[in-house]
Amino acid sequence: YCVEFRTESLSHHCALETRPYARWMQYLREGHTVCVACQPPAMNTDTQRCSGDGHNADGDKVLHWEAIGNAQCQGTWKKIRQLEHCSCPLVHSFIFT
């Protein structure tokens, strides 16, 4: 499944990222919608959920995220909705880890 989030805030460290494999962090923006896929091995085999997916969060709850590979690139987002069938666009798509 996938979860759509609206980015509420992010640290300035994301924009400073220049390593080739991590340049995607430069494109994160406040107010943008991002789509995050929950797939194995991040998915818990018992619950069939990914940690941090905001399962019990309503639209007003602020959730925290952190980019893999740059712990200083972090911020907050709010859950918009969960999609049982992923249709994430190629841009602004991520995977829970």
N, C-alpha and C. Protein backbone atom coordinates (compact mmCIF):
# COMPACT_ATOMS: atom_id res chain seq x y z
N TYR A 1 0.83 -1.18 0.00
CA TYR A 1 0.00 0.00 0.00
C TYR A 1 0.88 1.24 0.00
N CYS A 2 0.29 2.39 -0.24
CA CYS A 2 1.01 3.66 -0.24
C CYS A 2 0.26 4.65 0.64
N VAL A 3 0.99 5.65 1.10
CA VAL A 3 0.39 6.70 1.92
C VAL A 3 0.81 8.04 1.33
N GLU A 4 -0.17 8.92 1.16
CA GLU A 4 0.13 10.28 0.71
C GLU A 4 0.25 11.19 1.93
N PHE A 5 1.28 12.02 1.93
CA PHE A 5 1.52 12.98 3.00
C PHE A 5 1.72 14.37 2.40
N ARG A 6 1.38 15.39 3.15
CA ARG A 6 1.69 16.77 2.78
C ARG A 6 2.86 17.22 3.65
N THR A 7 3.94 17.63 3.03
CA THR A 7 5.13 18.07 3.76
C THR A 7 4.83 19.39 4.45
N GLU A 8 4.98 19.41 5.75
CA GLU A 8 4.71 20.61 6.55
C GLU A 8 5.97 21.43 6.78
N SER A 9 7.08 20.75 7.07
CA SER A 9 8.34 21.45 7.32
C SER A 9 9.49 20.54 6.96
N LEU A 10 10.65 21.14 6.68
CA LEU A 10 11.86 20.36 6.46
C LEU A 10 13.06 21.21 6.79
N SER A 11 14.14 20.55 7.18
CA SER A 11 15.35 21.27 7.57
C SER A 11 16.08 21.79 6.33
N HIS A 12 16.88 22.83 6.52
CA HIS A 12 17.63 23.41 5.40
C HIS A 12 18.72 22.46 4.91
N HIS A 13 19.04 21.44 5.70
CA HIS A 13 20.07 20.46 5.31
C HIS A 13 19.67 19.67 4.06
N CYS A 14 18.38 19.54 3.80
CA CYS A 14 17.94 18.81 2.61
C CYS A 14 18.41 19.52 1.34
N ALA A 15 18.29 20.83 1.32
CA ALA A 15 18.66 21.62 0.14
C ALA A 15 20.17 21.65 -0.09
N LEU A 16 20.95 21.34 0.94
CA LEU A 16 22.41 21.39 0.84
C LEU A 16 23.01 20.08 0.34
N GLU A 17 22.19 19.05 0.18
CA GLU A 17 22.69 17.73 -0.22
C GLU A 17 23.18 17.75 -1.66
N THR A 18 24.42 17.31 -1.89
CA THR A 18 24.99 17.32 -3.25
C THR A 18 25.49 15.96 -3.71
N ARG A 19 25.49 14.97 -2.85
CA ARG A 19 25.96 13.64 -3.27
C ARG A 19 25.02 13.11 -4.36
N PRO A 20 25.56 12.52 -5.42
CA PRO A 20 24.74 12.10 -6.57
C PRO A 20 23.53 11.24 -6.21
N TYR A 21 23.70 10.27 -5.33
CA TYR A 21 22.59 9.37 -5.00
C TYR A 21 21.56 10.02 -4.07
N ALA A 22 21.89 11.19 -3.53
CA ALA A 22 21.00 11.83 -2.56
C ALA A 22 20.49 13.20 -3.02
N ARG A 23 20.75 13.54 -4.27
CA ARG A 23 20.31 14.85 -4.75
C ARG A 23 18.80 15.05 -4.72
N TRP A 24 18.05 13.95 -4.69
CA TRP A 24 16.59 14.04 -4.63
C TRP A 24 16.13 14.88 -3.44
N MET A 25 16.95 14.93 -2.39
CA MET A 25 16.57 15.69 -1.19
C MET A 25 16.43 17.18 -1.49
N GLN A 26 17.15 17.66 -2.49
CA GLN A 26 17.09 19.08 -2.86
C GLN A 26 15.71 19.48 -3.37
N TYR A 27 14.93 18.52 -3.82
CA TYR A 27 13.64 18.81 -4.45
C TYR A 27 12.47 18.76 -3.48
N LEU A 28 12.72 18.43 -2.23
CA LEU A 28 11.66 18.44 -1.24
C LEU A 28 11.24 19.87 -0.95
N ARG A 29 9.94 20.09 -0.84
CA ARG A 29 9.41 21.44 -0.57
C ARG A 29 8.26 21.36 0.42
N GLU A 30 8.15 22.39 1.25
CA GLU A 30 7.01 22.48 2.15
C GLU A 30 5.74 22.65 1.33
N GLY A 31 4.69 21.98 1.75
CA GLY A 31 3.41 22.09 1.08
C GLY A 31 3.21 21.09 -0.06
N HIS A 32 4.27 20.40 -0.50
CA HIS A 32 4.14 19.41 -1.56
C HIS A 32 3.55 18.11 -1.02
N THR A 33 2.85 17.40 -1.88
CA THR A 33 2.35 16.08 -1.54
C THR A 33 3.37 15.05 -1.99
N VAL A 34 3.69 14.13 -1.10
CA VAL A 34 4.59 13.03 -1.43
C VAL A 34 3.85 11.71 -1.23
N CYS A 35 4.27 10.71 -1.96
CA CYS A 35 3.65 9.39 -1.90
C CYS A 35 4.72 8.41 -1.42
N VAL A 36 4.38 7.64 -0.38
CA VAL A 36 5.36 6.73 0.22
C VAL A 36 4.80 5.30 0.17
N ALA A 37 5.57 4.40 -0.43
CA ALA A 37 5.14 3.00 -0.55
C ALA A 37 5.61 2.18 0.64
N CYS A 38 4.76 1.29 1.09
CA CYS A 38 5.11 0.33 2.15
C CYS A 38 5.29 -1.03 1.50
N GLN A 39 6.53 -1.51 1.49
CA GLN A 39 6.87 -2.77 0.85
C GLN A 39 7.81 -3.56 1.76
N PRO A 40 7.88 -4.89 1.56
CA PRO A 40 8.89 -5.65 2.29
C PRO A 40 10.28 -5.16 1.87
N PRO A 41 11.28 -5.15 2.71
CA PRO A 41 11.30 -5.70 4.07
C PRO A 41 10.88 -4.70 5.14
N ALA A 42 10.49 -3.48 4.78
CA ALA A 42 10.08 -2.50 5.79
C ALA A 42 8.75 -2.89 6.43
N MET A 43 7.95 -3.66 5.72
CA MET A 43 6.64 -4.05 6.23
C MET A 43 6.77 -5.12 7.32
N ASN A 44 6.13 -4.88 8.46
CA ASN A 44 6.10 -5.84 9.56
C ASN A 44 5.28 -7.05 9.12
N THR A 45 5.84 -8.24 9.24
CA THR A 45 5.14 -9.43 8.76
C THR A 45 3.89 -9.75 9.57
N ASP A 46 3.85 -9.36 10.84
CA ASP A 46 2.67 -9.63 11.67
C ASP A 46 1.54 -8.65 11.40
N THR A 47 1.87 -7.37 11.36
CA THR A 47 0.83 -6.35 11.21
C THR A 47 0.56 -5.97 9.75
N GLN A 48 1.49 -6.33 8.86
CA GLN A 48 1.39 -5.95 7.44
C GLN A 48 1.37 -4.43 7.27
N ARG A 49 2.10 -3.73 8.17
CA ARG A 49 2.16 -2.27 8.12
C ARG A 49 3.62 -1.85 8.21
N CYS A 50 3.88 -0.63 7.78
CA CYS A 50 5.20 -0.03 7.92
C CYS A 50 5.20 0.94 9.09
N SER A 51 6.27 0.92 9.86
CA SER A 51 6.41 1.84 10.97
C SER A 51 6.42 3.27 10.45
N GLY A 52 5.66 4.13 11.08
CA GLY A 52 5.63 5.54 10.69
C GLY A 52 4.65 5.88 9.60
N ASP A 53 3.76 4.94 9.25
CA ASP A 53 2.82 5.21 8.16
C ASP A 53 1.62 6.06 8.59
N GLY A 54 1.56 6.40 9.86
CA GLY A 54 0.46 7.25 10.34
C GLY A 54 -0.87 6.53 10.39
N HIS A 55 -0.84 5.22 10.58
CA HIS A 55 -2.04 4.38 10.54
C HIS A 55 -3.20 4.95 11.36
N ASN A 56 -2.95 5.33 12.59
CA ASN A 56 -4.01 5.84 13.46
C ASN A 56 -4.01 7.37 13.55
N ALA A 57 -3.35 8.02 12.61
CA ALA A 57 -3.26 9.49 12.66
C ALA A 57 -4.35 10.10 11.80
N ASP A 58 -5.03 11.09 12.36
CA ASP A 58 -5.98 11.82 11.53
C ASP A 58 -5.22 12.91 10.78
N GLY A 59 -5.91 13.66 9.96
CA GLY A 59 -5.26 14.64 9.10
C GLY A 59 -4.60 15.80 9.81
N ASP A 60 -4.87 15.97 11.10
CA ASP A 60 -4.29 17.10 11.83
C ASP A 60 -3.04 16.72 12.61
N LYS A 61 -2.74 15.44 12.71
CA LYS A 61 -1.59 15.00 13.50
C LYS A 61 -0.31 15.21 12.70
N VAL A 62 0.66 15.89 13.32
CA VAL A 62 1.95 16.14 12.69
C VAL A 62 2.86 14.95 12.97
N LEU A 63 3.38 14.34 11.91
CA LEU A 63 4.25 13.18 12.01
C LEU A 63 5.65 13.57 11.57
N HIS A 64 6.65 12.91 12.11
CA HIS A 64 8.05 13.24 11.80
C HIS A 64 8.63 12.24 10.81
N TRP A 65 9.52 12.71 9.94
CA TRP A 65 10.23 11.86 9.00
C TRP A 65 11.71 12.24 8.97
N GLU A 66 12.52 11.31 8.49
CA GLU A 66 13.97 11.52 8.37
C GLU A 66 14.44 10.80 7.11
N ALA A 67 15.27 11.46 6.33
CA ALA A 67 15.79 10.86 5.10
C ALA A 67 16.91 9.88 5.42
N ILE A 68 16.87 8.73 4.77
CA ILE A 68 17.95 7.75 4.91
C ILE A 68 19.18 8.30 4.18
N GLY A 69 20.32 8.21 4.82
CA GLY A 69 21.55 8.68 4.20
C GLY A 69 21.94 10.08 4.59
N ASN A 70 21.02 10.82 5.22
CA ASN A 70 21.31 12.16 5.71
C ASN A 70 20.36 12.45 6.85
N ALA A 71 20.75 12.08 8.06
CA ALA A 71 19.87 12.24 9.22
C ALA A 71 19.54 13.69 9.51
N GLN A 72 20.32 14.61 8.94
CA GLN A 72 20.03 16.04 9.15
C GLN A 72 18.93 16.53 8.22
N CYS A 73 18.58 15.76 7.19
CA CYS A 73 17.46 16.08 6.32
C CYS A 73 16.23 15.42 6.93
N GLN A 74 15.46 16.23 7.63
CA GLN A 74 14.30 15.72 8.34
C GLN A 74 13.22 16.78 8.37
N GLY A 75 12.04 16.39 8.79
CA GLY A 75 10.96 17.36 8.87
C GLY A 75 9.68 16.72 9.37
N THR A 76 8.57 17.37 9.04
CA THR A 76 7.26 16.90 9.48
C THR A 76 6.32 16.85 8.28
N TRP A 77 5.31 15.99 8.42
CA TRP A 77 4.28 15.90 7.39
C TRP A 77 2.98 15.46 8.03
N LYS A 78 1.89 15.64 7.30
CA LYS A 78 0.58 15.20 7.75
C LYS A 78 0.03 14.21 6.74
N LYS A 79 -0.59 13.16 7.26
CA LYS A 79 -1.17 12.14 6.40
C LYS A 79 -2.39 12.68 5.68
N ILE A 80 -2.45 12.46 4.38
CA ILE A 80 -3.62 12.84 3.60
C ILE A 80 -4.55 11.63 3.47
N ARG A 81 -3.99 10.52 2.95
CA ARG A 81 -4.80 9.31 2.78
C ARG A 81 -3.91 8.11 2.51
N GLN A 82 -4.49 6.93 2.72
CA GLN A 82 -3.80 5.67 2.39
C GLN A 82 -4.42 5.12 1.12
N LEU A 83 -3.57 4.61 0.25
CA LEU A 83 -4.02 4.02 -1.01
C LEU A 83 -3.69 2.54 -1.00
N GLU A 84 -4.70 1.70 -1.13
CA GLU A 84 -4.45 0.25 -1.13
C GLU A 84 -3.73 -0.17 -2.40
N HIS A 85 -4.02 0.49 -3.51
CA HIS A 85 -3.34 0.21 -4.77
C HIS A 85 -2.48 1.41 -5.11
N CYS A 86 -1.19 1.22 -5.05
CA CYS A 86 -0.26 2.33 -5.26
C CYS A 86 -0.33 2.86 -6.68
N SER A 87 -0.44 4.16 -6.76
CA SER A 87 -0.37 4.83 -8.05
C SER A 87 0.50 6.08 -7.88
N CYS A 88 1.61 5.89 -7.18
CA CYS A 88 2.51 7.01 -6.91
C CYS A 88 3.13 7.50 -8.22
N PRO A 89 3.21 8.82 -8.39
CA PRO A 89 3.91 9.35 -9.56
C PRO A 89 5.41 9.10 -9.42
N LEU A 90 6.14 9.16 -10.52
CA LEU A 90 7.58 8.91 -10.46
C LEU A 90 8.31 9.98 -9.66
N VAL A 91 7.80 11.20 -9.68
CA VAL A 91 8.39 12.29 -8.91
C VAL A 91 7.71 12.34 -7.55
N HIS A 92 8.46 12.65 -6.52
CA HIS A 92 7.94 12.76 -5.15
C HIS A 92 7.39 11.44 -4.63
N SER A 93 8.04 10.34 -4.99
CA SER A 93 7.66 9.03 -4.50
C SER A 93 8.80 8.45 -3.68
N PHE A 94 8.45 7.82 -2.55
CA PHE A 94 9.44 7.31 -1.63
C PHE A 94 9.02 5.95 -1.12
N ILE A 95 9.91 5.29 -0.38
CA ILE A 95 9.63 3.97 0.19
C ILE A 95 9.97 4.02 1.67
N PHE A 96 9.09 3.45 2.52
CA PHE A 96 9.40 3.33 3.94
C PHE A 96 10.58 2.39 4.11
N THR A 97 11.46 2.69 5.08
CA THR A 97 12.58 1.79 5.35
C THR A 97 12.61 1.42 6.82
